PDB file of N, CA and C in Angstrom:
ATOM      1  N   MET A   1      17.691  -1.131  -7.771  1.00  0.00           N
ATOM      2  CA  MET A   1      16.655  -0.924  -6.779  1.00  0.00           C
ATOM      3  C   MET A   1      16.910  -1.840  -5.586  1.00  0.00           C
ATOM      4  N   LYS A   2      16.728  -1.301  -4.407  1.00  0.00           N
ATOM      5  CA  LYS A   2      16.893  -2.114  -3.204  1.00  0.00           C
ATOM      6  C   LYS A   2      15.749  -3.111  -3.106  1.00  0.00           C
ATOM      7  N   ASN A   3      16.062  -4.314  -2.676  1.00  0.00           N
ATOM      8  CA  ASN A   3      15.015  -5.307  -2.473  1.00  0.00           C
ATOM      9  C   ASN A   3      14.334  -5.141  -1.128  1.00  0.00           C
ATOM     10  N   HIS A   4      15.041  -4.588  -0.174  1.00  0.00           N
ATOM     11  CA  HIS A   4      14.481  -4.422   1.165  1.00  0.00           C
ATOM     12  C   HIS A   4      14.792  -3.013   1.635  1.00  0.00           C
ATOM     13  N   LEU A   5      13.768  -2.188   1.713  1.00  0.00           N
ATOM     14  CA  LEU A   5      13.953  -0.795   2.087  1.00  0.00           C
ATOM     15  C   LEU A   5      13.956  -0.633   3.596  1.00  0.00           C
ATOM     16  N   ASP A   6      14.504   0.464   4.048  1.00  0.00           N
ATOM     17  CA  ASP A   6      14.612   0.753   5.479  1.00  0.00           C
ATOM     18  C   ASP A   6      13.356   1.477   5.949  1.00  0.00           C
ATOM     19  N   TRP A   7      12.555   0.813   6.756  1.00  0.00           N
ATOM     20  CA  TRP A   7      11.318   1.403   7.272  1.00  0.00           C
ATOM     21  C   TRP A   7      11.499   1.872   8.703  1.00  0.00           C
ATOM     22  N   SER A   8      12.737   2.067   9.156  1.00  0.00           N
ATOM     23  CA  SER A   8      12.979   2.430  10.551  1.00  0.00           C
ATOM     24  C   SER A   8      12.356   3.771  10.918  1.00  0.00           C
ATOM     25  N   ALA A   9      12.071   4.620   9.943  1.00  0.00           N
ATOM     26  CA  ALA A   9      11.419   5.898  10.234  1.00  0.00           C
ATOM     27  C   ALA A   9      10.043   5.679  10.852  1.00  0.00           C
ATOM     28  N   TYR A  10       9.463   4.521  10.640  1.00  0.00           N
ATOM     29  CA  TYR A  10       8.142   4.210  11.181  1.00  0.00           C
ATOM     30  C   TYR A  10       8.222   3.491  12.526  1.00  0.00           C
ATOM     31  N   ARG A  11       9.437   3.281  13.037  1.00  0.00           N
ATOM     32  CA  ARG A  11       9.621   2.498  14.254  1.00  0.00           C
ATOM     33  C   ARG A  11       8.808   3.039  15.428  1.00  0.00           C
ATOM     34  N   ASP A  12       8.751   4.368  15.574  1.00  0.00           N
ATOM     35  CA  ASP A  12       8.026   4.969  16.686  1.00  0.00           C
ATOM     36  C   ASP A  12       6.588   5.308  16.337  1.00  0.00           C
ATOM     37  N   ALA A  13       6.154   4.958  15.141  1.00  0.00           N
ATOM     38  CA  ALA A  13       4.770   5.210  14.752  1.00  0.00           C
ATOM     39  C   ALA A  13       3.862   4.286  15.551  1.00  0.00           C
ATOM     40  N   GLY A  14       2.627   4.634  15.600  1.00  0.00           N
ATOM     41  CA  GLY A  14       1.673   3.776  16.282  1.00  0.00           C
ATOM     42  C   GLY A  14       0.911   4.502  17.357  1.00  0.00           C
ATOM     43  N   MET A  15       1.133   5.792  17.467  1.00  0.00           N
ATOM     44  CA  MET A  15       0.415   6.570  18.459  1.00  0.00           C
ATOM     45  C   MET A  15      -0.745   7.279  17.759  1.00  0.00           C
ATOM     46  N   GLY A  16      -1.925   7.190  18.312  1.00  0.00           N
ATOM     47  CA  GLY A  16      -3.065   7.911  17.762  1.00  0.00           C
ATOM     48  C   GLY A  16      -3.861   7.100  16.762  1.00  0.00           C
ATOM     49  N   ASP A  17      -4.970   7.675  16.336  1.00  0.00           N
ATOM     50  CA  ASP A  17      -5.915   6.993  15.464  1.00  0.00           C
ATOM     51  C   ASP A  17      -5.347   6.663  14.089  1.00  0.00           C
ATOM     52  N   ALA A  18      -4.420   7.478  13.598  1.00  0.00           N
ATOM     53  CA  ALA A  18      -3.901   7.256  12.251  1.00  0.00           C
ATOM     54  C   ALA A  18      -3.228   5.897  12.114  1.00  0.00           C
ATOM     55  N   TYR A  19      -2.751   5.350  13.213  1.00  0.00           N
ATOM     56  CA  TYR A  19      -2.053   4.069  13.154  1.00  0.00           C
ATOM     57  C   TYR A  19      -2.797   2.983  13.921  1.00  0.00           C
ATOM     58  N   ALA A  20      -4.099   3.161  14.077  1.00  0.00           N
ATOM     59  CA  ALA A  20      -4.883   2.189  14.840  1.00  0.00           C
ATOM     60  C   ALA A  20      -5.003   0.859  14.108  1.00  0.00           C
ATOM     61  N   ASP A  21      -4.758   0.866  12.812  1.00  0.00           N
ATOM     62  CA  ASP A  21      -4.975  -0.331  11.997  1.00  0.00           C
ATOM     63  C   ASP A  21      -3.655  -0.939  11.518  1.00  0.00           C
ATOM     64  N   ILE A  22      -2.639  -0.931  12.375  1.00  0.00           N
ATOM     65  CA  ILE A  22      -1.351  -1.508  11.990  1.00  0.00           C
ATOM     66  C   ILE A  22      -1.470  -3.031  11.984  1.00  0.00           C
ATOM     67  N   PRO A  23      -1.122  -3.673  10.865  1.00  0.00           N
ATOM     68  CA  PRO A  23      -1.189  -5.140  10.812  1.00  0.00           C
ATOM     69  C   PRO A  23      -0.298  -5.797  11.869  1.00  0.00           C
ATOM     70  N   ARG A  24      -0.661  -7.026  12.249  1.00  0.00           N
ATOM     71  CA  ARG A  24       0.069  -7.746  13.305  1.00  0.00           C
ATOM     72  C   ARG A  24       1.473  -8.159  12.889  1.00  0.00           C
ATOM     73  N   HIS A  25       1.681  -8.389  11.606  1.00  0.00           N
ATOM     74  CA  HIS A  25       2.966  -8.864  11.111  1.00  0.00           C
ATOM     75  C   HIS A  25       3.581  -7.810  10.201  1.00  0.00           C
ATOM     76  N   GLY A  26       4.882  -7.850  10.050  1.00  0.00           N
ATOM     77  CA  GLY A  26       5.544  -6.974   9.097  1.00  0.00           C
ATOM     78  C   GLY A  26       6.359  -5.861   9.705  1.00  0.00           C
ATOM     79  N   GLY A  27       6.295  -5.693  11.022  1.00  0.00           N
ATOM     80  CA  GLY A  27       7.135  -4.702  11.696  1.00  0.00           C
ATOM     81  C   GLY A  27       6.975  -3.299  11.148  1.00  0.00           C
ATOM     82  N   ASP A  28       8.101  -2.646  10.876  1.00  0.00           N
ATOM     83  CA  ASP A  28       8.073  -1.265  10.398  1.00  0.00           C
ATOM     84  C   ASP A  28       7.411  -1.167   9.024  1.00  0.00           C
ATOM     85  N   PHE A  29       7.540  -2.204   8.194  1.00  0.00           N
ATOM     86  CA  PHE A  29       6.866  -2.227   6.896  1.00  0.00           C
ATOM     87  C   PHE A  29       5.361  -2.158   7.096  1.00  0.00           C
ATOM     88  N   ALA A  30       4.837  -2.892   8.078  1.00  0.00           N
ATOM     89  CA  ALA A  30       3.402  -2.867   8.357  1.00  0.00           C
ATOM     90  C   ALA A  30       2.957  -1.469   8.759  1.00  0.00           C
ATOM     91  N   LYS A  31       3.802  -0.761   9.486  1.00  0.00           N
ATOM     92  CA  LYS A  31       3.460   0.611   9.877  1.00  0.00           C
ATOM     93  C   LYS A  31       3.426   1.531   8.657  1.00  0.00           C
ATOM     94  N   ALA A  32       4.309   1.296   7.697  1.00  0.00           N
ATOM     95  CA  ALA A  32       4.305   2.095   6.472  1.00  0.00           C
ATOM     96  C   ALA A  32       3.020   1.859   5.691  1.00  0.00           C
ATOM     97  N   VAL A  33       2.570   0.609   5.625  1.00  0.00           N
ATOM     98  CA  VAL A  33       1.318   0.281   4.953  1.00  0.00           C
ATOM     99  C   VAL A  33       0.153   0.942   5.686  1.00  0.00           C
ATOM    100  N   ALA A  34       0.248   1.037   7.013  1.00  0.00           N
ATOM    101  CA  ALA A  34      -0.821   1.625   7.819  1.00  0.00           C
ATOM    102  C   ALA A  34      -0.932   3.135   7.641  1.00  0.00           C
ATOM    103  N   ALA A  35      -0.013   3.752   6.898  1.00  0.00           N
ATOM    104  CA  ALA A  35      -0.105   5.193   6.647  1.00  0.00           C
ATOM    105  C   ALA A  35      -1.353   5.536   5.838  1.00  0.00           C
ATOM    106  N   CYS A  36      -1.914   4.566   5.145  1.00  0.00           N
ATOM    107  CA  CYS A  36      -3.148   4.783   4.385  1.00  0.00           C
ATOM    108  C   CYS A  36      -4.278   5.075   5.367  1.00  0.00           C
ATOM    109  N   ILE A  37      -4.968   6.204   5.159  1.00  0.00           N
ATOM    110  CA  ILE A  37      -6.069   6.569   6.054  1.00  0.00           C
ATOM    111  C   ILE A  37      -7.417   6.158   5.472  1.00  0.00           C
ATOM    112  N   ASP A  38      -7.405   5.433   4.364  1.00  0.00           N
ATOM    113  CA  ASP A  38      -8.600   4.875   3.729  1.00  0.00           C
ATOM    114  C   ASP A  38      -9.618   5.946   3.337  1.00  0.00           C
ATOM    115  N   SER A  39      -9.137   7.109   2.897  1.00  0.00           N
ATOM    116  CA  SER A  39     -10.042   8.176   2.451  1.00  0.00           C
ATOM    117  C   SER A  39     -10.617   7.874   1.072  1.00  0.00           C
ATOM    118  N   ARG A  40      -9.986   6.973   0.355  1.00  0.00           N
ATOM    119  CA  ARG A  40     -10.390   6.526  -0.978  1.00  0.00           C
ATOM    120  C   ARG A  40     -10.325   7.629  -2.036  1.00  0.00           C
ATOM    121  N   VAL A  41      -9.517   8.648  -1.785  1.00  0.00           N
ATOM    122  CA  VAL A  41      -9.270   9.673  -2.799  1.00  0.00           C
ATOM    123  C   VAL A  41      -8.685   9.014  -4.044  1.00  0.00           C
ATOM    124  N   CYS A  42      -7.923   7.960  -3.849  1.00  0.00           N
ATOM    125  CA  CYS A  42      -7.299   7.245  -4.961  1.00  0.00           C
ATOM    126  C   CYS A  42      -8.319   6.511  -5.825  1.00  0.00           C
ATOM    127  N   GLU A  43      -9.552   6.419  -5.355  1.00  0.00           N
ATOM    128  CA  GLU A  43     -10.581   5.709  -6.113  1.00  0.00           C
ATOM    129  C   GLU A  43     -11.586   6.664  -6.746  1.00  0.00           C
ATOM    130  N   THR A  44     -11.209   7.928  -6.875  1.00  0.00           N
ATOM    131  CA  THR A  44     -12.068   8.868  -7.584  1.00  0.00           C
ATOM    132  C   THR A  44     -11.567   8.966  -9.014  1.00  0.00           C
ATOM    133  N   ARG A  45     -12.481   9.132  -9.918  1.00  0.00           N
ATOM    134  CA  ARG A  45     -12.121   9.209 -11.339  1.00  0.00           C
ATOM    135  C   ARG A  45     -12.084  10.676 -11.732  1.00  0.00           C
ATOM    136  N   GLY A  46     -11.164  11.029 -12.579  1.00  0.00           N
ATOM    137  CA  GLY A  46     -11.109  12.409 -13.025  1.00  0.00           C
ATOM    138  C   GLY A  46      -9.740  12.821 -13.498  1.00  0.00           C
ATOM    139  N   ARG A  47      -9.366  14.044 -13.147  1.00  0.00           N
ATOM    140  CA  ARG A  47      -8.163  14.645 -13.704  1.00  0.00           C
ATOM    141  C   ARG A  47      -6.913  14.407 -12.872  1.00  0.00           C
ATOM    142  N   GLN A  48      -6.995  13.656 -11.825  1.00  0.00           N
ATOM    143  CA  GLN A  48      -5.818  13.416 -10.987  1.00  0.00           C
ATOM    144  C   GLN A  48      -4.873  12.411 -11.637  1.00  0.00           C
ATOM    145  N   VAL A  49      -3.661  12.360 -11.127  1.00  0.00           N
ATOM    146  CA  VAL A  49      -2.666  11.407 -11.620  1.00  0.00           C
ATOM    147  C   VAL A  49      -2.886  10.041 -10.990  1.00  0.00           C
ATOM    148  N   MET A  50      -3.211  10.015  -9.708  1.00  0.00           N
ATOM    149  CA  MET A  50      -3.324   8.772  -8.941  1.00  0.00           C
ATOM    150  C   MET A  50      -4.600   8.047  -9.334  1.00  0.00           C
ATOM    151  N   CYS A  51      -4.592   6.886  -9.615  1.00  0.00           N
ATOM    152  CA  CYS A  51      -3.588   5.912  -9.939  1.00  0.00           C
ATOM    153  C   CYS A  51      -3.890   5.481 -11.380  1.00  0.00           C
ATOM    154  N   PRO A  52      -2.951   5.585 -12.314  1.00  0.00           N
ATOM    155  CA  PRO A  52      -3.250   5.288 -13.714  1.00  0.00           C
ATOM    156  C   PRO A  52      -3.848   3.900 -13.955  1.00  0.00           C
ATOM    157  N   SER A  53      -3.355   2.889 -13.271  1.00  0.00           N
ATOM    158  CA  SER A  53      -3.906   1.545 -13.500  1.00  0.00           C
ATOM    159  C   SER A  53      -5.355   1.467 -13.037  1.00  0.00           C
ATOM    160  N   TYR A  54      -5.711   2.204 -11.988  1.00  0.00           N
ATOM    161  CA  TYR A  54      -7.115   2.267 -11.558  1.00  0.00           C
ATOM    162  C   TYR A  54      -7.924   3.100 -12.545  1.00  0.00           C
ATOM    163  N   GLN A  55      -7.387   4.243 -12.982  1.00  0.00           N
ATOM    164  CA  GLN A  55      -8.110   5.127 -13.895  1.00  0.00           C
ATOM    165  C   GLN A  55      -8.495   4.389 -15.178  1.00  0.00           C
ATOM    166  N   VAL A  56      -7.612   3.542 -15.673  1.00  0.00           N
ATOM    167  CA  VAL A  56      -7.878   2.808 -16.908  1.00  0.00           C
ATOM    168  C   VAL A  56      -8.830   1.641 -16.665  1.00  0.00           C
ATOM    169  N   SER A  57      -8.607   0.899 -15.585  1.00  0.00           N
ATOM    170  CA  SER A  57      -9.374  -0.335 -15.351  1.00  0.00           C
ATOM    171  C   SER A  57     -10.685  -0.116 -14.604  1.00  0.00           C
ATOM    172  N   GLY A  58     -10.725   0.891 -13.720  1.00  0.00           N
ATOM    173  CA  GLY A  58     -11.895   1.075 -12.862  1.00  0.00           C
ATOM    174  C   GLY A  58     -11.969   0.048 -11.744  1.00  0.00           C
ATOM    175  N   ASN A  59     -10.949  -0.793 -11.636  1.00  0.00           N
ATOM    176  CA  ASN A  59     -10.913  -1.853 -10.627  1.00  0.00           C
ATOM    177  C   ASN A  59     -10.326  -1.298  -9.325  1.00  0.00           C
ATOM    178  N   PRO A  60     -11.129  -1.198  -8.242  1.00  0.00           N
ATOM    179  CA  PRO A  60     -10.627  -0.646  -6.979  1.00  0.00           C
ATOM    180  C   PRO A  60      -9.407  -1.388  -6.426  1.00  0.00           C
ATOM    181  N   ALA A  61      -9.243  -2.653  -6.755  1.00  0.00           N
ATOM    182  CA  ALA A  61      -8.073  -3.404  -6.276  1.00  0.00           C
ATOM    183  C   ALA A  61      -6.780  -2.863  -6.878  1.00  0.00           C
ATOM    184  N   LEU A  62      -6.887  -2.135  -7.982  1.00  0.00           N
ATOM    185  CA  LEU A  62      -5.703  -1.581  -8.637  1.00  0.00           C
ATOM    186  C   LEU A  62      -5.445  -0.129  -8.247  1.00  0.00           C
ATOM    187  N   SER A  63      -6.219   0.382  -7.296  1.00  0.00           N
ATOM    188  CA  SER A  63      -5.958   1.724  -6.772  1.00  0.00           C
ATOM    189  C   SER A  63      -4.905   1.620  -5.675  1.00  0.00           C
ATOM    190  N   THR A  64      -4.352   2.749  -5.296  1.00  0.00           N
ATOM    191  CA  THR A  64      -3.380   2.752  -4.197  1.00  0.00           C
ATOM    192  C   THR A  64      -4.008   2.151  -2.947  1.00  0.00           C
ATOM    193  N   GLY A  65      -5.207   2.593  -2.612  1.00  0.00           N
ATOM    194  CA  GLY A  65      -5.892   2.079  -1.423  1.00  0.00           C
ATOM    195  C   GLY A  65      -6.216   0.602  -1.527  1.00  0.00           C
ATOM    196  N   GLY A  66      -6.590   0.147  -2.722  1.00  0.00           N
ATOM    197  CA  GLY A  66      -6.877  -1.268  -2.916  1.00  0.00           C
ATOM    198  C   GLY A  66      -5.652  -2.127  -2.668  1.00  0.00           C
ATOM    199  N   ARG A  67      -4.519  -1.673  -3.166  1.00  0.00           N
ATOM    200  CA  ARG A  67      -3.269  -2.400  -2.934  1.00  0.00           C
ATOM    201  C   ARG A  67      -2.931  -2.422  -1.445  1.00  0.00           C
ATOM    202  N   VAL A  68      -3.088  -1.266  -0.798  1.00  0.00           N
ATOM    203  CA  VAL A  68      -2.788  -1.191   0.633  1.00  0.00           C
ATOM    204  C   VAL A  68      -3.729  -2.087   1.429  1.00  0.00           C
ATOM    205  N   ARG A  69      -5.017  -2.102   1.076  1.00  0.00           N
ATOM    206  CA  ARG A  69      -5.968  -2.966   1.802  1.00  0.00           C
ATOM    207  C   ARG A  69      -5.583  -4.434   1.667  1.00  0.00           C
ATOM    208  N   MET A  70      -5.147  -4.847   0.464  1.00  0.00           N
ATOM    209  CA  MET A  70      -4.716  -6.240   0.282  1.00  0.00           C
ATOM    210  C   MET A  70      -3.465  -6.536   1.106  1.00  0.00           C
ATOM    211  N   LEU A  71      -2.522  -5.601   1.134  1.00  0.00           N
ATOM    212  CA  LEU A  71      -1.310  -5.798   1.940  1.00  0.00           C
ATOM    213  C   LEU A  71      -1.639  -5.852   3.425  1.00  0.00           C
ATOM    214  N   LYS A  72      -2.532  -4.969   3.886  1.00  0.00           N
ATOM    215  CA  LYS A  72      -2.929  -4.983   5.300  1.00  0.00           C
ATOM    216  C   LYS A  72      -3.561  -6.320   5.659  1.00  0.00           C
ATOM    217  N   ALA A  73      -4.442  -6.810   4.776  1.00  0.00           N
ATOM    218  CA  ALA A  73      -5.097  -8.095   5.041  1.00  0.00           C
ATOM    219  C   ALA A  73      -4.066  -9.215   5.107  1.00  0.00           C
ATOM    220  N   ALA A  74      -3.118  -9.198   4.184  1.00  0.00           N
ATOM    221  CA  ALA A  74      -2.084 -10.242   4.175  1.00  0.00           C
ATOM    222  C   ALA A  74      -1.221 -10.167   5.421  1.00  0.00           C
ATOM    223  N   LEU A  75      -0.844  -8.957   5.828  1.00  0.00           N
ATOM    224  CA  LEU A  75       0.030  -8.797   6.989  1.00  0.00           C
ATOM    225  C   LEU A  75      -0.703  -8.997   8.306  1.00  0.00           C
ATOM    226  N   SER A  76      -2.029  -8.943   8.283  1.00  0.00           N
ATOM    227  CA  SER A  76      -2.809  -9.184   9.499  1.00  0.00           C
ATOM    228  C   SER A  76      -3.082 -10.670   9.693  1.00  0.00           C
ATOM    229  N   ASP A  77      -2.848 -11.443   8.654  1.00  0.00           N
ATOM    230  CA  ASP A  77      -3.086 -12.883   8.676  1.00  0.00           C
ATOM    231  C   ASP A  77      -1.930 -13.581   9.391  1.00  0.00           C
ATOM    232  N   ASP A  78      -2.253 -14.556  10.212  1.00  0.00           N
ATOM    233  CA  ASP A  78      -1.203 -15.316  10.889  1.00  0.00           C
ATOM    234  C   ASP A  78      -0.353 -16.109   9.897  1.00  0.00           C
ATOM    235  N   LEU A  79      -0.861 -16.303   8.702  1.00  0.00           N
ATOM    236  CA  LEU A  79      -0.112 -16.997   7.657  1.00  0.00           C
ATOM    237  C   LEU A  79       0.403 -15.973   6.644  1.00  0.00           C
ATOM    238  N   ALA A  80       1.003 -14.901   7.129  1.00  0.00           N
ATOM    239  CA  ALA A  80       1.413 -13.776   6.286  1.00  0.00           C
ATOM    240  C   ALA A  80       2.280 -14.210   5.110  1.00  0.00           C
ATOM    241  N   GLU A  81       3.160 -15.175   5.316  1.00  0.00           N
ATOM    242  CA  GLU A  81       4.033 -15.627   4.222  1.00  0.00           C
ATOM    243  C   GLU A  81       3.209 -16.126   3.037  1.00  0.00           C
ATOM    244  N   GLN A  82       2.213 -16.978   3.311  1.00  0.00           N
ATOM    245  CA  GLN A  82       1.384 -17.499   2.230  1.00  0.00           C
ATOM    246  C   GLN A  82       0.470 -16.413   1.672  1.00  0.00           C
ATOM    247  N   ALA A  83      -0.045 -15.552   2.552  1.00  0.00           N
ATOM    248  CA  ALA A  83      -0.953 -14.494   2.114  1.00  0.00           C
ATOM    249  C   ALA A  83      -0.248 -13.521   1.174  1.00  0.00           C
ATOM    250  N   LEU A  84       1.023 -13.256   1.421  1.00  0.00           N
ATOM    251  CA  LEU A  84       1.775 -12.356   0.549  1.00  0.00           C
ATOM    252  C   LEU A  84       2.053 -12.983  -0.815  1.00  0.00           C
ATOM    253  N   ALA A  85       1.891 -14.293  -0.929  1.00  0.00           N
ATOM    254  CA  ALA A  85       2.101 -14.990  -2.202  1.00  0.00           C
ATOM    255  C   ALA A  85       0.823 -15.070  -3.037  1.00  0.00           C
ATOM    256  N   ASP A  86      -0.265 -14.457  -2.574  1.00  0.00           N
ATOM    257  CA  ASP A  86      -1.551 -14.477  -3.275  1.00  0.00           C
ATOM    258  C   ASP A  86      -1.387 -13.891  -4.683  1.00  0.00           C
ATOM    259  N   PRO A  87      -1.803 -14.619  -5.717  1.00  0.00           N
ATOM    260  CA  PRO A  87      -1.659 -14.121  -7.089  1.00  0.00           C
ATOM    261  C   PRO A  87      -2.385 -12.792  -7.335  1.00  0.00           C
ATOM    262  N   ALA A  88      -3.523 -12.568  -6.679  1.00  0.00           N
ATOM    263  CA  ALA A  88      -4.252 -11.304  -6.852  1.00  0.00           C
ATOM    264  C   ALA A  88      -3.433 -10.133  -6.317  1.00  0.00           C
ATOM    265  N   LEU A  89      -2.762 -10.348  -5.189  1.00  0.00           N
ATOM    266  CA  LEU A  89      -1.898  -9.312  -4.622  1.00  0.00           C
ATOM    267  C   LEU A  89      -0.709  -9.061  -5.546  1.00  0.00           C
ATOM    268  N   ALA A  90      -0.112 -10.125  -6.042  1.00  0.00           N
ATOM    269  CA  ALA A  90       1.034  -9.986  -6.952  1.00  0.00           C
ATOM    270  C   ALA A  90       0.634  -9.221  -8.213  1.00  0.00           C
ATOM    271  N   GLU A  91      -0.536  -9.534  -8.756  1.00  0.00           N
ATOM    272  CA  GLU A  91      -0.998  -8.844  -9.966  1.00  0.00           C
ATOM    273  C   GLU A  91      -1.208  -7.354  -9.693  1.00  0.00           C
ATOM    274  N   ALA A  92      -1.873  -7.036  -8.575  1.00  0.00           N
ATOM    275  CA  ALA A  92      -2.122  -5.631  -8.237  1.00  0.00           C
ATOM    276  C   ALA A  92      -0.813  -4.867  -8.063  1.00  0.00           C
ATOM    277  N   MET A  93       0.152  -5.486  -7.393  1.00  0.00           N
ATOM    278  CA  MET A  93       1.437  -4.823  -7.179  1.00  0.00           C
ATOM    279  C   MET A  93       2.209  -4.687  -8.492  1.00  0.00           C
ATOM    280  N   ASP A  94       2.152  -5.710  -9.324  1.00  0.00           N
ATOM    281  CA  ASP A  94       2.871  -5.670 -10.596  1.00  0.00           C
ATOM    282  C   ASP A  94       2.317  -4.601 -11.535  1.00  0.00           C
ATOM    283  N   LEU A  95       1.038  -4.262 -11.393  1.00  0.00           N
ATOM    284  CA  LEU A  95       0.428  -3.266 -12.270  1.00  0.00           C
ATOM    285  C   LEU A  95       0.626  -1.833 -11.781  1.00  0.00           C
ATOM    286  N   CYS A  96       1.352  -1.658 -10.691  1.00  0.00           N
ATOM    287  CA  CYS A  96       1.742  -0.316 -10.249  1.00  0.00           C
ATOM    288  C   CYS A  96       2.748   0.217 -11.267  1.00  0.00           C
ATOM    289  N   LEU A  97       2.478   1.388 -11.821  1.00  0.00           N
ATOM    290  CA  LEU A  97       3.335   1.957 -12.861  1.00  0.00           C
ATOM    291  C   LEU A  97       4.507   2.758 -12.314  1.00  0.00           C
ATOM    292  N   ALA A  98       4.596   2.876 -10.995  1.00  0.00           N
ATOM    293  CA  ALA A  98       5.683   3.623 -10.345  1.00  0.00           C
ATOM    294  C   ALA A  98       5.710   5.088 -10.773  1.00  0.00           C
ATOM    295  N   CYS A  99       4.530   5.671 -10.978  1.00  0.00           N
ATOM    296  CA  CYS A  99       4.440   7.057 -11.442  1.00  0.00           C
ATOM    297  C   CYS A  99       4.570   8.066 -10.303  1.00  0.00           C
ATOM    298  N   LYS A 100       4.417   7.594  -9.068  1.00  0.00           N
ATOM    299  CA  LYS A 100       4.479   8.417  -7.857  1.00  0.00           C
ATOM    300  C   LYS A 100       3.295   9.373  -7.725  1.00  0.00           C
ATOM    301  N   GLY A 101       2.216   9.129  -8.482  1.00  0.00           N
ATOM    302  CA  GLY A 101       1.003   9.934  -8.324  1.00  0.00           C
ATOM    303  C   GLY A 101       0.460   9.811  -6.916  1.00  0.00           C
ATOM    304  N   CYS A 102       0.564   8.633  -6.325  1.00  0.00           N
ATOM    305  CA  CYS A 102       0.085   8.422  -4.953  1.00  0.00           C
ATOM    306  C   CYS A 102       0.882   9.270  -3.967  1.00  0.00           C
ATOM    307  N   LYS A 103       2.173   9.334  -4.134  1.00  0.00           N
ATOM    308  CA  LYS A 103       3.026  10.112  -3.235  1.00  0.00           C
ATOM    309  C   LYS A 103       2.645  11.591  -3.284  1.00  0.00           C
ATOM    310  N   ARG A 104       2.291  12.076  -4.493  1.00  0.00           N
ATOM    311  CA  ARG A 104       1.922  13.483  -4.648  1.00  0.00           C
ATOM    312  C   ARG A 104       0.506  13.776  -4.179  1.00  0.00           C
ATOM    313  N   GLU A 105      -0.430  12.848  -4.373  1.00  0.00           N
ATOM    314  CA  GLU A 105      -1.836  13.162  -4.164  1.00  0.00           C
ATOM    315  C   GLU A 105      -2.483  12.487  -2.962  1.00  0.00           C
ATOM    316  N   CYS A 106      -1.878  11.451  -2.429  1.00  0.00           N
ATOM    317  CA  CYS A 106      -2.474  10.717  -1.304  1.00  0.00           C
ATOM    318  C   CYS A 106      -2.398  11.545  -0.024  1.00  0.00           C
ATOM    319  N   GLU A 107      -3.519  11.647   0.686  1.00  0.00           N
ATOM    320  CA  GLU A 107      -3.568  12.397   1.946  1.00  0.00           C
ATOM    321  C   GLU A 107      -2.670  11.779   3.010  1.00  0.00           C
ATOM    322  N   GLY A 108      -2.481  10.472   2.943  1.00  0.00           N
ATOM    323  CA  GLY A 108      -1.636   9.781   3.912  1.00  0.00           C
ATOM    324  C   GLY A 108      -0.194   9.638   3.446  1.00  0.00           C
ATOM    325  N   ASN A 109       0.118  10.197   2.278  1.00  0.00           N
ATOM    326  CA  ASN A 109       1.458  10.123   1.688  1.00  0.00           C
ATOM    327  C   ASN A 109       1.928   8.691   1.454  1.00  0.00           C
ATOM    328  N   VAL A 110       1.000   7.822   1.108  1.00  0.00           N
ATOM    329  CA  VAL A 110       1.379   6.449   0.767  1.00  0.00           C
ATOM    330  C   VAL A 110       2.190   6.505  -0.528  1.00  0.00           C
ATOM    331  N   ASP A 111       3.309   5.821  -0.551  1.00  0.00           N
ATOM    332  CA  ASP A 111       4.181   5.796  -1.722  1.00  0.00           C
ATOM    333  C   ASP A 111       4.323   4.349  -2.186  1.00  0.00           C
ATOM    334  N   MET A 112       3.477   3.951  -3.129  1.00  0.00           N
ATOM    335  CA  MET A 112       3.477   2.564  -3.600  1.00  0.00           C
ATOM    336  C   MET A 112       4.783   2.184  -4.290  1.00  0.00           C
ATOM    337  N   VAL A 113       5.519   3.151  -4.790  1.00  0.00           N
ATOM    338  CA  VAL A 113       6.789   2.846  -5.456  1.00  0.00           C
ATOM    339  C   VAL A 113       7.759   2.202  -4.475  1.00  0.00           C
ATOM    340  N   GLN A 114       7.705   2.598  -3.222  1.00  0.00           N
ATOM    341  CA  GLN A 114       8.593   2.013  -2.226  1.00  0.00           C
ATOM    342  C   GLN A 114       8.066   0.697  -1.675  1.00  0.00           C
ATOM    343  N   ILE A 115       6.774   0.482  -1.744  1.00  0.00           N
ATOM    344  CA  ILE A 115       6.192  -0.702  -1.105  1.00  0.00           C
ATOM    345  C   ILE A 115       6.378  -1.996  -1.900  1.00  0.00           C
ATOM    346  N   PRO A 116       6.160  -2.056  -3.228  1.00  0.00           N
ATOM    347  CA  PRO A 116       6.265  -3.347  -3.917  1.00  0.00           C
ATOM    348  C   PRO A 116       7.552  -4.122  -3.706  1.00  0.00           C
ATOM    349  N   PRO A 117       8.744  -3.502  -3.687  1.00  0.00           N
ATOM    350  CA  PRO A 117       9.955  -4.320  -3.489  1.00  0.00           C
ATOM    351  C   PRO A 117       9.969  -5.052  -2.149  1.00  0.00           C
ATOM    352  N   GLN A 118       9.176  -4.587  -1.200  1.00  0.00           N
ATOM    353  CA  GLN A 118       9.158  -5.208   0.114  1.00  0.00           C
ATOM    354  C   GLN A 118       8.560  -6.607   0.090  1.00  0.00           C
ATOM    355  N   ARG A 119       7.719  -6.912  -0.887  1.00  0.00           N
ATOM    356  CA  ARG A 119       7.050  -8.213  -0.884  1.00  0.00           C
ATOM    357  C   ARG A 119       7.921  -9.328  -1.429  1.00  0.00           C
ATOM    358  N   ASP A 120       9.064  -8.981  -2.053  1.00  0.00           N
ATOM    359  CA  ASP A 120       9.955 -10.008  -2.611  1.00  0.00           C
ATOM    360  C   ASP A 120      10.654 -10.792  -1.528  1.00  0.00           C
TER     361      ASP A 120
END
């Protein structure tokens, strides 16, 4: 697995409301995190695949959107390096099962499988 993925596809992102919440730090990675439109579909319980760790725990921080919100907060902080080392963020990212349910079901096409390696 690559430790640092290529987010250059997001280089020209940032036009329109969908990218109004791009974090201040993180460059193209921050734009990828900003793909979340915060619809919270990932926090509904039921027959969907997304997100198994949320479905089992009921903890919104373990949903796709919860993980993205924590990453956005960390990348918006002027102390992004320390914020990315937050144990709560590490735990949420570590509990991602890499099932790709988010990629299939998320309206914003957030793919958490690609995002966790970026924090290393």
